[in-house]
Amino acid sequence: MNICKKKLRSAYYVFLIVSIIIYIIPGKFKMAVYGLNYLGWLTIVVAILTILMFLWLLILDIKNKNFKALFKRIIVFILALLVCVIYSYYDQARNENLTKEELIEILGD
């Protein structure tokens, strides 16, 4: 395995972990008045870079016929997506039962 692919693989897993952590941060910290704040834009950039690195590594693994690494990487990516989706449903269910006063307190208005 060449050094470039090792660095890409390491960067991919770092970006994947960072994107999960940023995704779990509540949305009120990622939003500004008329759009996204810096953390919101960072979320979008890190997610896009993670997906691009995933696809690049996917192509390299198929090209090199490294199906074991390909399978592991796909499983880890799917697990990361599942964590984000499950957290979204949990967060939605938690916020659904809030009163108007509690929402105002959370949002800070």
PDB file of N, CA and C in Angstrom:
ATOM      1  N   MET A   1       0.850  -1.174   0.000  1.00  0.00           N
ATOM      2  CA  MET A   1       0.000   0.000   0.000  1.00  0.00           C
ATOM      3  C   MET A   1       0.897   1.240   0.000  1.00  0.00           C
ATOM      4  N   ASN A   2       0.632   2.143  -0.915  1.00  0.00           N
ATOM      5  CA  ASN A   2       1.475   3.327  -0.974  1.00  0.00           C
ATOM      6  C   ASN A   2       1.092   4.337   0.102  1.00  0.00           C
ATOM      7  N   ILE A   3       1.965   5.295   0.297  1.00  0.00           N
ATOM      8  CA  ILE A   3       1.805   6.270   1.373  1.00  0.00           C
ATOM      9  C   ILE A   3       0.590   7.155   1.138  1.00  0.00           C
ATOM     10  N   CYS A   4       0.311   7.503  -0.104  1.00  0.00           N
ATOM     11  CA  CYS A   4      -0.842   8.364  -0.413  1.00  0.00           C
ATOM     12  C   CYS A   4      -2.157   7.698   0.003  1.00  0.00           C
ATOM     13  N   LYS A   5      -2.285   6.407  -0.268  1.00  0.00           N
ATOM     14  CA  LYS A   5      -3.512   5.704   0.092  1.00  0.00           C
ATOM     15  C   LYS A   5      -3.639   5.575   1.608  1.00  0.00           C
ATOM     16  N   LYS A   6      -2.518   5.387   2.308  1.00  0.00           N
ATOM     17  CA  LYS A   6      -2.559   5.315   3.777  1.00  0.00           C
ATOM     18  C   LYS A   6      -3.013   6.646   4.370  1.00  0.00           C
ATOM     19  N   LYS A   7      -2.495   7.739   3.831  1.00  0.00           N
ATOM     20  CA  LYS A   7      -2.889   9.065   4.313  1.00  0.00           C
ATOM     21  C   LYS A   7      -4.360   9.339   4.000  1.00  0.00           C
ATOM     22  N   LEU A   8      -4.811   8.939   2.831  1.00  0.00           N
ATOM     23  CA  LEU A   8      -6.207   9.123   2.448  1.00  0.00           C
ATOM     24  C   LEU A   8      -7.116   8.304   3.361  1.00  0.00           C
ATOM     25  N   ARG A   9      -6.711   7.075   3.638  1.00  0.00           N
ATOM     26  CA  ARG A   9      -7.515   6.218   4.517  1.00  0.00           C
ATOM     27  C   ARG A   9      -7.592   6.803   5.921  1.00  0.00           C
ATOM     28  N   SER A  10      -6.457   7.282   6.435  1.00  0.00           N
ATOM     29  CA  SER A  10      -6.450   7.899   7.766  1.00  0.00           C
ATOM     30  C   SER A  10      -7.304   9.161   7.790  1.00  0.00           C
ATOM     31  N   ALA A  11      -7.172   9.982   6.779  1.00  0.00           N
ATOM     32  CA  ALA A  11      -7.964  11.209   6.699  1.00  0.00           C
ATOM     33  C   ALA A  11      -9.452  10.886   6.603  1.00  0.00           C
ATOM     34  N   TYR A  12      -9.799   9.837   5.875  1.00  0.00           N
ATOM     35  CA  TYR A  12     -11.200   9.437   5.744  1.00  0.00           C
ATOM     36  C   TYR A  12     -11.798   9.088   7.100  1.00  0.00           C
ATOM     37  N   TYR A  13     -11.095   8.275   7.886  1.00  0.00           N
ATOM     38  CA  TYR A  13     -11.638   7.874   9.180  1.00  0.00           C
ATOM     39  C   TYR A  13     -11.694   9.053  10.158  1.00  0.00           C
ATOM     40  N   VAL A  14     -10.741   9.950  10.082  1.00  0.00           N
ATOM     41  CA  VAL A  14     -10.786  11.151  10.930  1.00  0.00           C
ATOM     42  C   VAL A  14     -11.980  12.014  10.540  1.00  0.00           C
ATOM     43  N   PHE A  15     -12.168  12.241   9.246  1.00  0.00           N
ATOM     44  CA  PHE A  15     -13.290  13.052   8.783  1.00  0.00           C
ATOM     45  C   PHE A  15     -14.621  12.380   9.112  1.00  0.00           C
ATOM     46  N   LEU A  16     -14.685  11.053   9.044  1.00  0.00           N
ATOM     47  CA  LEU A  16     -15.916  10.341   9.377  1.00  0.00           C
ATOM     48  C   LEU A  16     -16.270  10.536  10.846  1.00  0.00           C
ATOM     49  N   ILE A  17     -15.291  10.417  11.722  1.00  0.00           N
ATOM     50  CA  ILE A  17     -15.529  10.613  13.158  1.00  0.00           C
ATOM     51  C   ILE A  17     -15.915  12.059  13.444  1.00  0.00           C
ATOM     52  N   VAL A  18     -15.215  13.008  12.825  1.00  0.00           N
ATOM     53  CA  VAL A  18     -15.527  14.425  13.033  1.00  0.00           C
ATOM     54  C   VAL A  18     -16.927  14.749  12.527  1.00  0.00           C
ATOM     55  N   SER A  19     -17.309  14.199  11.381  1.00  0.00           N
ATOM     56  CA  SER A  19     -18.643  14.493  10.857  1.00  0.00           C
ATOM     57  C   SER A  19     -19.733  13.904  11.754  1.00  0.00           C
ATOM     58  N   ILE A  20     -19.505  12.743  12.350  1.00  0.00           N
ATOM     59  CA  ILE A  20     -20.487  12.187  13.288  1.00  0.00           C
ATOM     60  C   ILE A  20     -20.595  13.070  14.524  1.00  0.00           C
ATOM     61  N   ILE A  21     -19.466  13.497  15.056  1.00  0.00           N
ATOM     62  CA  ILE A  21     -19.471  14.351  16.255  1.00  0.00           C
ATOM     63  C   ILE A  21     -20.171  15.675  15.964  1.00  0.00           C
ATOM     64  N   ILE A  22     -19.874  16.285  14.824  1.00  0.00           N
ATOM     65  CA  ILE A  22     -20.511  17.554  14.477  1.00  0.00           C
ATOM     66  C   ILE A  22     -22.002  17.352  14.245  1.00  0.00           C
ATOM     67  N   TYR A  23     -22.374  16.222  13.659  1.00  0.00           N
ATOM     68  CA  TYR A  23     -23.787  15.971  13.400  1.00  0.00           C
ATOM     69  C   TYR A  23     -24.587  15.840  14.692  1.00  0.00           C
ATOM     70  N   ILE A  24     -23.975  15.284  15.721  1.00  0.00           N
ATOM     71  CA  ILE A  24     -24.664  15.068  16.990  1.00  0.00           C
ATOM     72  C   ILE A  24     -24.837  16.374  17.779  1.00  0.00           C
ATOM     73  N   ILE A  25     -24.041  17.379  17.471  1.00  0.00           N
ATOM     74  CA  ILE A  25     -24.204  18.680  18.130  1.00  0.00           C
ATOM     75  C   ILE A  25     -25.584  19.232  17.768  1.00  0.00           C
ATOM     76  N   PRO A  26     -26.329  19.764  18.734  1.00  0.00           N
ATOM     77  CA  PRO A  26     -27.674  20.272  18.439  1.00  0.00           C
ATOM     78  C   PRO A  26     -27.676  21.334  17.335  1.00  0.00           C
ATOM     79  N   GLY A  27     -28.770  21.348  16.582  1.00  0.00           N
ATOM     80  CA  GLY A  27     -28.894  22.242  15.436  1.00  0.00           C
ATOM     81  C   GLY A  27     -28.852  23.713  15.784  1.00  0.00           C
ATOM     82  N   LYS A  28     -29.264  24.065  17.009  1.00  0.00           N
ATOM     83  CA  LYS A  28     -29.272  25.493  17.376  1.00  0.00           C
ATOM     84  C   LYS A  28     -27.869  26.085  17.382  1.00  0.00           C
ATOM     85  N   PHE A  29     -26.836  25.250  17.538  1.00  0.00           N
ATOM     86  CA  PHE A  29     -25.462  25.748  17.509  1.00  0.00           C
ATOM     87  C   PHE A  29     -24.924  25.860  16.093  1.00  0.00           C
ATOM     88  N   LYS A  30     -25.620  25.251  15.132  1.00  0.00           N
ATOM     89  CA  LYS A  30     -25.163  25.271  13.743  1.00  0.00           C
ATOM     90  C   LYS A  30     -25.929  26.261  12.884  1.00  0.00           C
ATOM     91  N   MET A  31     -26.906  26.941  13.476  1.00  0.00           N
ATOM     92  CA  MET A  31     -27.736  27.862  12.718  1.00  0.00           C
ATOM     93  C   MET A  31     -27.487  29.308  13.149  1.00  0.00           C
ATOM     94  N   ALA A  32     -27.546  30.200  12.178  1.00  0.00           N
ATOM     95  CA  ALA A  32     -27.494  31.631  12.456  1.00  0.00           C
ATOM     96  C   ALA A  32     -28.871  32.210  12.122  1.00  0.00           C
ATOM     97  N   VAL A  33     -28.986  33.507  12.060  1.00  0.00           N
ATOM     98  CA  VAL A  33     -30.288  34.132  11.862  1.00  0.00           C
ATOM     99  C   VAL A  33     -30.857  33.805  10.477  1.00  0.00           C
ATOM    100  N   TYR A  34     -30.096  34.011   9.428  1.00  0.00           N
ATOM    101  CA  TYR A  34     -30.611  33.815   8.074  1.00  0.00           C
ATOM    102  C   TYR A  34     -29.938  32.661   7.337  1.00  0.00           C
ATOM    103  N   GLY A  35     -29.269  31.796   8.024  1.00  0.00           N
ATOM    104  CA  GLY A  35     -28.602  30.679   7.365  1.00  0.00           C
ATOM    105  C   GLY A  35     -27.747  29.923   8.357  1.00  0.00           C
ATOM    106  N   LEU A  36     -26.639  29.426   7.870  1.00  0.00           N
ATOM    107  CA  LEU A  36     -25.739  28.645   8.700  1.00  0.00           C
ATOM    108  C   LEU A  36     -24.631  29.509   9.283  1.00  0.00           C
ATOM    109  N   ASN A  37     -24.174  29.165  10.471  1.00  0.00           N
ATOM    110  CA  ASN A  37     -22.990  29.815  11.003  1.00  0.00           C
ATOM    111  C   ASN A  37     -21.766  28.986  10.603  1.00  0.00           C
ATOM    112  N   TYR A  38     -20.616  29.291  11.154  1.00  0.00           N
ATOM    113  CA  TYR A  38     -19.393  28.590  10.750  1.00  0.00           C
ATOM    114  C   TYR A  38     -19.452  27.098  11.034  1.00  0.00           C
ATOM    115  N   LEU A  39     -20.038  26.714  12.153  1.00  0.00           N
ATOM    116  CA  LEU A  39     -20.150  25.296  12.487  1.00  0.00           C
ATOM    117  C   LEU A  39     -21.094  24.583  11.513  1.00  0.00           C
ATOM    118  N   GLY A  40     -22.128  25.250  11.081  1.00  0.00           N
ATOM    119  CA  GLY A  40     -23.034  24.679  10.089  1.00  0.00           C
ATOM    120  C   GLY A  40     -22.347  24.464   8.749  1.00  0.00           C
ATOM    121  N   TRP A  41     -21.569  25.451   8.324  1.00  0.00           N
ATOM    122  CA  TRP A  41     -20.826  25.301   7.068  1.00  0.00           C
ATOM    123  C   TRP A  41     -19.762  24.225   7.203  1.00  0.00           C
ATOM    124  N   LEU A  42     -19.132  24.133   8.369  1.00  0.00           N
ATOM    125  CA  LEU A  42     -18.139  23.080   8.609  1.00  0.00           C
ATOM    126  C   LEU A  42     -18.789  21.708   8.507  1.00  0.00           C
ATOM    127  N   THR A  43     -20.013  21.574   9.006  1.00  0.00           N
ATOM    128  CA  THR A  43     -20.742  20.316   8.904  1.00  0.00           C
ATOM    129  C   THR A  43     -20.921  19.905   7.450  1.00  0.00           C
ATOM    130  N   ILE A  44     -21.332  20.849   6.627  1.00  0.00           N
ATOM    131  CA  ILE A  44     -21.554  20.557   5.213  1.00  0.00           C
ATOM    132  C   ILE A  44     -20.248  20.193   4.511  1.00  0.00           C
ATOM    133  N   VAL A  45     -19.197  20.959   4.749  1.00  0.00           N
ATOM    134  CA  VAL A  45     -17.903  20.715   4.091  1.00  0.00           C
ATOM    135  C   VAL A  45     -17.326  19.364   4.509  1.00  0.00           C
ATOM    136  N   VAL A  46     -17.352  19.065   5.798  1.00  0.00           N
ATOM    137  CA  VAL A  46     -16.790  17.797   6.281  1.00  0.00           C
ATOM    138  C   VAL A  46     -17.598  16.621   5.745  1.00  0.00           C
ATOM    139  N   ALA A  47     -18.909  16.741   5.684  1.00  0.00           N
ATOM    140  CA  ALA A  47     -19.738  15.653   5.154  1.00  0.00           C
ATOM    141  C   ALA A  47     -19.441  15.404   3.679  1.00  0.00           C
ATOM    142  N   ILE A  48     -19.311  16.468   2.904  1.00  0.00           N
ATOM    143  CA  ILE A  48     -19.019  16.318   1.475  1.00  0.00           C
ATOM    144  C   ILE A  48     -17.637  15.710   1.270  1.00  0.00           C
ATOM    145  N   LEU A  49     -16.645  16.185   2.020  1.00  0.00           N
ATOM    146  CA  LEU A  49     -15.299  15.621   1.894  1.00  0.00           C
ATOM    147  C   LEU A  49     -15.259  14.156   2.314  1.00  0.00           C
ATOM    148  N   THR A  50     -16.006  13.804   3.344  1.00  0.00           N
ATOM    149  CA  THR A  50     -16.057  12.414   3.786  1.00  0.00           C
ATOM    150  C   THR A  50     -16.642  11.515   2.699  1.00  0.00           C
ATOM    151  N   ILE A  51     -17.721  11.965   2.086  1.00  0.00           N
ATOM    152  CA  ILE A  51     -18.341  11.172   1.023  1.00  0.00           C
ATOM    153  C   ILE A  51     -17.419  11.050  -0.182  1.00  0.00           C
ATOM    154  N   LEU A  52     -16.746  12.141  -0.548  1.00  0.00           N
ATOM    155  CA  LEU A  52     -15.810  12.086  -1.674  1.00  0.00           C
ATOM    156  C   LEU A  52     -14.641  11.144  -1.398  1.00  0.00           C
ATOM    157  N   MET A  53     -14.097  11.190  -0.169  1.00  0.00           N
ATOM    158  CA  MET A  53     -13.001  10.275   0.175  1.00  0.00           C
ATOM    159  C   MET A  53     -13.489   8.833   0.210  1.00  0.00           C
ATOM    160  N   PHE A  54     -14.715   8.616   0.693  1.00  0.00           N
ATOM    161  CA  PHE A  54     -15.279   7.273   0.705  1.00  0.00           C
ATOM    162  C   PHE A  54     -15.373   6.724  -0.720  1.00  0.00           C
ATOM    163  N   LEU A  55     -15.886   7.533  -1.636  1.00  0.00           N
ATOM    164  CA  LEU A  55     -16.010   7.088  -3.026  1.00  0.00           C
ATOM    165  C   LEU A  55     -14.650   6.850  -3.665  1.00  0.00           C
ATOM    166  N   TRP A  56     -13.683   7.709  -3.365  1.00  0.00           N
ATOM    167  CA  TRP A  56     -12.339   7.546  -3.925  1.00  0.00           C
ATOM    168  C   TRP A  56     -11.717   6.246  -3.424  1.00  0.00           C
ATOM    169  N   LEU A  57     -11.803   5.998  -2.122  1.00  0.00           N
ATOM    170  CA  LEU A  57     -11.267   4.754  -1.571  1.00  0.00           C
ATOM    171  C   LEU A  57     -12.030   3.539  -2.078  1.00  0.00           C
ATOM    172  N   LEU A  58     -13.314   3.692  -2.294  1.00  0.00           N
ATOM    173  CA  LEU A  58     -14.122   2.612  -2.846  1.00  0.00           C
ATOM    174  C   LEU A  58     -13.620   2.224  -4.237  1.00  0.00           C
ATOM    175  N   ILE A  59     -13.375   3.217  -5.057  1.00  0.00           N
ATOM    176  CA  ILE A  59     -12.870   2.971  -6.414  1.00  0.00           C
ATOM    177  C   ILE A  59     -11.486   2.338  -6.363  1.00  0.00           C
ATOM    178  N   LEU A  60     -10.614   2.837  -5.486  1.00  0.00           N
ATOM    179  CA  LEU A  60      -9.270   2.266  -5.364  1.00  0.00           C
ATOM    180  C   LEU A  60      -9.316   0.813  -4.900  1.00  0.00           C
ATOM    181  N   ASP A  61     -10.210   0.501  -3.973  1.00  0.00           N
ATOM    182  CA  ASP A  61     -10.321  -0.879  -3.496  1.00  0.00           C
ATOM    183  C   ASP A  61     -10.858  -1.806  -4.584  1.00  0.00           C
ATOM    184  N   ILE A  62     -11.809  -1.335  -5.356  1.00  0.00           N
ATOM    185  CA  ILE A  62     -12.325  -2.155  -6.457  1.00  0.00           C
ATOM    186  C   ILE A  62     -11.252  -2.351  -7.513  1.00  0.00           C
ATOM    187  N   LYS A  63     -10.522  -1.294  -7.793  1.00  0.00           N
ATOM    188  CA  LYS A  63      -9.454  -1.362  -8.796  1.00  0.00           C
ATOM    189  C   LYS A  63      -8.357  -2.336  -8.364  1.00  0.00           C
ATOM    190  N   ASN A  64      -8.000  -2.322  -7.083  1.00  0.00           N
ATOM    191  CA  ASN A  64      -6.940  -3.196  -6.564  1.00  0.00           C
ATOM    192  C   ASN A  64      -7.458  -4.551  -6.096  1.00  0.00           C
ATOM    193  N   LYS A  65      -8.760  -4.774  -6.228  1.00  0.00           N
ATOM    194  CA  LYS A  65      -9.417  -6.026  -5.829  1.00  0.00           C
ATOM    195  C   LYS A  65      -9.173  -6.349  -4.359  1.00  0.00           C
ATOM    196  N   ASN A  66      -9.246  -5.315  -3.543  1.00  0.00           N
ATOM    197  CA  ASN A  66      -9.089  -5.464  -2.102  1.00  0.00           C
ATOM    198  C   ASN A  66     -10.490  -5.490  -1.475  1.00  0.00           C
ATOM    199  N   PHE A  67     -11.157  -6.626  -1.642  1.00  0.00           N
ATOM    200  CA  PHE A  67     -12.563  -6.710  -1.255  1.00  0.00           C
ATOM    201  C   PHE A  67     -12.766  -6.769   0.254  1.00  0.00           C
ATOM    202  N   LYS A  68     -11.769  -7.244   0.979  1.00  0.00           N
ATOM    203  CA  LYS A  68     -11.892  -7.289   2.441  1.00  0.00           C
ATOM    204  C   LYS A  68     -11.937  -5.868   3.014  1.00  0.00           C
ATOM    205  N   ALA A  69     -11.029  -5.017   2.569  1.00  0.00           N
ATOM    206  CA  ALA A  69     -11.016  -3.624   3.015  1.00  0.00           C
ATOM    207  C   ALA A  69     -12.249  -2.884   2.512  1.00  0.00           C
ATOM    208  N   LEU A  70     -12.678  -3.212   1.309  1.00  0.00           N
ATOM    209  CA  LEU A  70     -13.874  -2.608   0.733  1.00  0.00           C
ATOM    210  C   LEU A  70     -15.098  -2.920   1.592  1.00  0.00           C
ATOM    211  N   PHE A  71     -15.245  -4.175   1.988  1.00  0.00           N
ATOM    212  CA  PHE A  71     -16.374  -4.598   2.812  1.00  0.00           C
ATOM    213  C   PHE A  71     -16.343  -3.907   4.171  1.00  0.00           C
ATOM    214  N   LYS A  72     -15.171  -3.844   4.793  1.00  0.00           N
ATOM    215  CA  LYS A  72     -15.050  -3.192   6.102  1.00  0.00           C
ATOM    216  C   LYS A  72     -15.395  -1.711   6.014  1.00  0.00           C
ATOM    217  N   ARG A  73     -14.907  -1.044   4.986  1.00  0.00           N
ATOM    218  CA  ARG A  73     -15.154   0.387   4.835  1.00  0.00           C
ATOM    219  C   ARG A  73     -16.638   0.667   4.590  1.00  0.00           C
ATOM    220  N   ILE A  74     -17.288  -0.171   3.800  1.00  0.00           N
ATOM    221  CA  ILE A  74     -18.721   0.012   3.544  1.00  0.00           C
ATOM    222  C   ILE A  74     -19.514  -0.204   4.827  1.00  0.00           C
ATOM    223  N   ILE A  75     -19.156  -1.233   5.607  1.00  0.00           N
ATOM    224  CA  ILE A  75     -19.852  -1.505   6.868  1.00  0.00           C
ATOM    225  C   ILE A  75     -19.682  -0.332   7.839  1.00  0.00           C
ATOM    226  N   VAL A  76     -18.485   0.201   7.966  1.00  0.00           N
ATOM    227  CA  VAL A  76     -18.242   1.330   8.872  1.00  0.00           C
ATOM    228  C   VAL A  76     -19.025   2.553   8.411  1.00  0.00           C
ATOM    229  N   PHE A  77     -19.067   2.799   7.112  1.00  0.00           N
ATOM    230  CA  PHE A  77     -19.803   3.951   6.582  1.00  0.00           C
ATOM    231  C   PHE A  77     -21.298   3.797   6.848  1.00  0.00           C
ATOM    232  N   ILE A  78     -21.831   2.602   6.624  1.00  0.00           N
ATOM    233  CA  ILE A  78     -23.255   2.355   6.881  1.00  0.00           C
ATOM    234  C   ILE A  78     -23.561   2.497   8.366  1.00  0.00           C
ATOM    235  N   LEU A  79     -22.676   2.007   9.228  1.00  0.00           N
ATOM    236  CA  LEU A  79     -22.887   2.155  10.670  1.00  0.00           C
ATOM    237  C   LEU A  79     -22.889   3.628  11.077  1.00  0.00           C
ATOM    238  N   ALA A  80     -21.996   4.410  10.491  1.00  0.00           N
ATOM    239  CA  ALA A  80     -21.962   5.843  10.790  1.00  0.00           C
ATOM    240  C   ALA A  80     -23.261   6.521  10.349  1.00  0.00           C
ATOM    241  N   LEU A  81     -23.759   6.150   9.170  1.00  0.00           N
ATOM    242  CA  LEU A  81     -25.029   6.706   8.711  1.00  0.00           C
ATOM    243  C   LEU A  81     -26.174   6.292   9.629  1.00  0.00           C
ATOM    244  N   LEU A  82     -26.165   5.052  10.074  1.00  0.00           N
ATOM    245  CA  LEU A  82     -27.206   4.581  10.987  1.00  0.00           C
ATOM    246  C   LEU A  82     -27.183   5.333  12.312  1.00  0.00           C
ATOM    247  N   VAL A  83     -25.984   5.604  12.829  1.00  0.00           N
ATOM    248  CA  VAL A  83     -25.876   6.375  14.071  1.00  0.00           C
ATOM    249  C   VAL A  83     -26.512   7.751  13.878  1.00  0.00           C
ATOM    250  N   CYS A  84     -26.224   8.393  12.764  1.00  0.00           N
ATOM    251  CA  CYS A  84     -26.782   9.723  12.502  1.00  0.00           C
ATOM    252  C   CYS A  84     -28.302   9.672  12.342  1.00  0.00           C
ATOM    253  N   VAL A  85     -28.814   8.679  11.641  1.00  0.00           N
ATOM    254  CA  VAL A  85     -30.261   8.570  11.437  1.00  0.00           C
ATOM    255  C   VAL A  85     -30.971   8.255  12.755  1.00  0.00           C
ATOM    256  N   ILE A  86     -30.423   7.323  13.525  1.00  0.00           N
ATOM    257  CA  ILE A  86     -31.034   6.978  14.818  1.00  0.00           C
ATOM    258  C   ILE A  86     -31.028   8.179  15.747  1.00  0.00           C
ATOM    259  N   TYR A  87     -29.929   8.930  15.765  1.00  0.00           N
ATOM    260  CA  TYR A  87     -29.875  10.126  16.596  1.00  0.00           C
ATOM    261  C   TYR A  87     -30.895  11.166  16.138  1.00  0.00           C
ATOM    262  N   SER A  88     -31.092  11.292  14.833  1.00  0.00           N
ATOM    263  CA  SER A  88     -32.082  12.243  14.317  1.00  0.00           C
ATOM    264  C   SER A  88     -33.478  11.892  14.804  1.00  0.00           C
ATOM    265  N   TYR A  89     -33.838  10.608  14.741  1.00  0.00           N
ATOM    266  CA  TYR A  89     -35.150  10.188  15.226  1.00  0.00           C
ATOM    267  C   TYR A  89     -35.281  10.393  16.726  1.00  0.00           C
ATOM    268  N   TYR A  90     -34.216  10.106  17.463  1.00  0.00           N
ATOM    269  CA  TYR A  90     -34.229  10.326  18.909  1.00  0.00           C
ATOM    270  C   TYR A  90     -34.411  11.804  19.226  1.00  0.00           C
ATOM    271  N   ASP A  91     -33.670  12.663  18.539  1.00  0.00           N
ATOM    272  CA  ASP A  91     -33.745  14.103  18.775  1.00  0.00           C
ATOM    273  C   ASP A  91     -35.130  14.642  18.410  1.00  0.00           C
ATOM    274  N   GLN A  92     -35.688  14.144  17.320  1.00  0.00           N
ATOM    275  CA  GLN A  92     -37.024  14.573  16.914  1.00  0.00           C
ATOM    276  C   GLN A  92     -38.061  14.148  17.944  1.00  0.00           C
ATOM    277  N   ALA A  93     -37.976  12.935  18.416  1.00  0.00           N
ATOM    278  CA  ALA A  93     -38.933  12.455  19.414  1.00  0.00           C
ATOM    279  C   ALA A  93     -38.788  13.216  20.729  1.00  0.00           C
ATOM    280  N   ARG A  94     -37.569  13.542  21.077  1.00  0.00           N
ATOM    281  CA  ARG A  94     -37.331  14.283  22.317  1.00  0.00           C
ATOM    282  C   ARG A  94     -37.886  15.694  22.217  1.00  0.00           C
ATOM    283  N   ASN A  95     -37.726  16.341  21.075  1.00  0.00           N
ATOM    284  CA  ASN A  95     -38.181  17.724  20.908  1.00  0.00           C
ATOM    285  C   ASN A  95     -39.677  17.831  20.618  1.00  0.00           C
ATOM    286  N   GLU A  96     -40.307  16.724  20.230  1.00  0.00           N
ATOM    287  CA  GLU A  96     -41.720  16.753  19.913  1.00  0.00           C
ATOM    288  C   GLU A  96     -42.579  17.014  21.146  1.00  0.00           C
ATOM    289  N   ASN A  97     -42.132  16.589  22.296  1.00  0.00           N
ATOM    290  CA  ASN A  97     -42.916  16.700  23.517  1.00  0.00           C
ATOM    291  C   ASN A  97     -42.617  17.963  24.328  1.00  0.00           C
ATOM    292  N   LEU A  98     -41.861  18.889  23.764  1.00  0.00           N
ATOM    293  CA  LEU A  98     -41.525  20.098  24.494  1.00  0.00           C
ATOM    294  C   LEU A  98     -42.666  21.115  24.429  1.00  0.00           C
ATOM    295  N   THR A  99     -42.798  21.860  25.502  1.00  0.00           N
ATOM    296  CA  THR A  99     -43.787  22.937  25.514  1.00  0.00           C
ATOM    297  C   THR A  99     -43.196  24.172  24.833  1.00  0.00           C
ATOM    298  N   LYS A 100     -44.032  25.169  24.620  1.00  0.00           N
ATOM    299  CA  LYS A 100     -43.582  26.402  23.980  1.00  0.00           C
ATOM    300  C   LYS A 100     -42.514  27.089  24.817  1.00  0.00           C
ATOM    301  N   GLU A 101     -42.682  27.104  26.134  1.00  0.00           N
ATOM    302  CA  GLU A 101     -41.699  27.749  27.028  1.00  0.00           C
ATOM    303  C   GLU A 101     -40.347  27.033  26.969  1.00  0.00           C
ATOM    304  N   GLU A 102     -40.388  25.706  26.918  1.00  0.00           N
ATOM    305  CA  GLU A 102     -39.130  24.950  26.843  1.00  0.00           C
ATOM    306  C   GLU A 102     -38.428  25.189  25.516  1.00  0.00           C
ATOM    307  N   LEU A 103     -39.183  25.285  24.431  1.00  0.00           N
ATOM    308  CA  LEU A 103     -38.578  25.589  23.132  1.00  0.00           C
ATOM    309  C   LEU A 103     -37.961  26.968  23.103  1.00  0.00           C
ATOM    310  N   ILE A 104     -38.641  27.953  23.705  1.00  0.00           N
ATOM    311  CA  ILE A 104     -38.087  29.306  23.767  1.00  0.00           C
ATOM    312  C   ILE A 104     -36.809  29.315  24.583  1.00  0.00           C
ATOM    313  N   GLU A 105     -36.774  28.546  25.658  1.00  0.00           N
ATOM    314  CA  GLU A 105     -35.571  28.472  26.487  1.00  0.00           C
ATOM    315  C   GLU A 105     -34.410  27.828  25.732  1.00  0.00           C
ATOM    316  N   ILE A 106     -34.697  26.792  24.959  1.00  0.00           N
ATOM    317  CA  ILE A 106     -33.652  26.110  24.190  1.00  0.00           C
ATOM    318  C   ILE A 106     -33.127  27.001  23.073  1.00  0.00           C
ATOM    319  N   LEU A 107     -34.045  27.621  22.348  1.00  0.00           N
ATOM    320  CA  LEU A 107     -33.651  28.438  21.203  1.00  0.00           C
ATOM    321  C   LEU A 107     -33.119  29.800  21.599  1.00  0.00           C
ATOM    322  N   GLY A 108     -33.419  30.238  22.793  1.00  0.00           N
ATOM    323  CA  GLY A 108     -32.858  31.487  23.292  1.00  0.00           C
ATOM    324  C   GLY A 108     -33.581  32.722  22.802  1.00  0.00           C
ATOM    325  N   ASP A 109     -34.779  32.611  22.300  1.00  0.00           N
ATOM    326  CA  ASP A 109     -35.522  33.793  21.821  1.00  0.00           C
ATOM    327  C   ASP A 109     -36.282  34.429  22.940  1.00  0.00           C
TER     328      ASP A 109
END
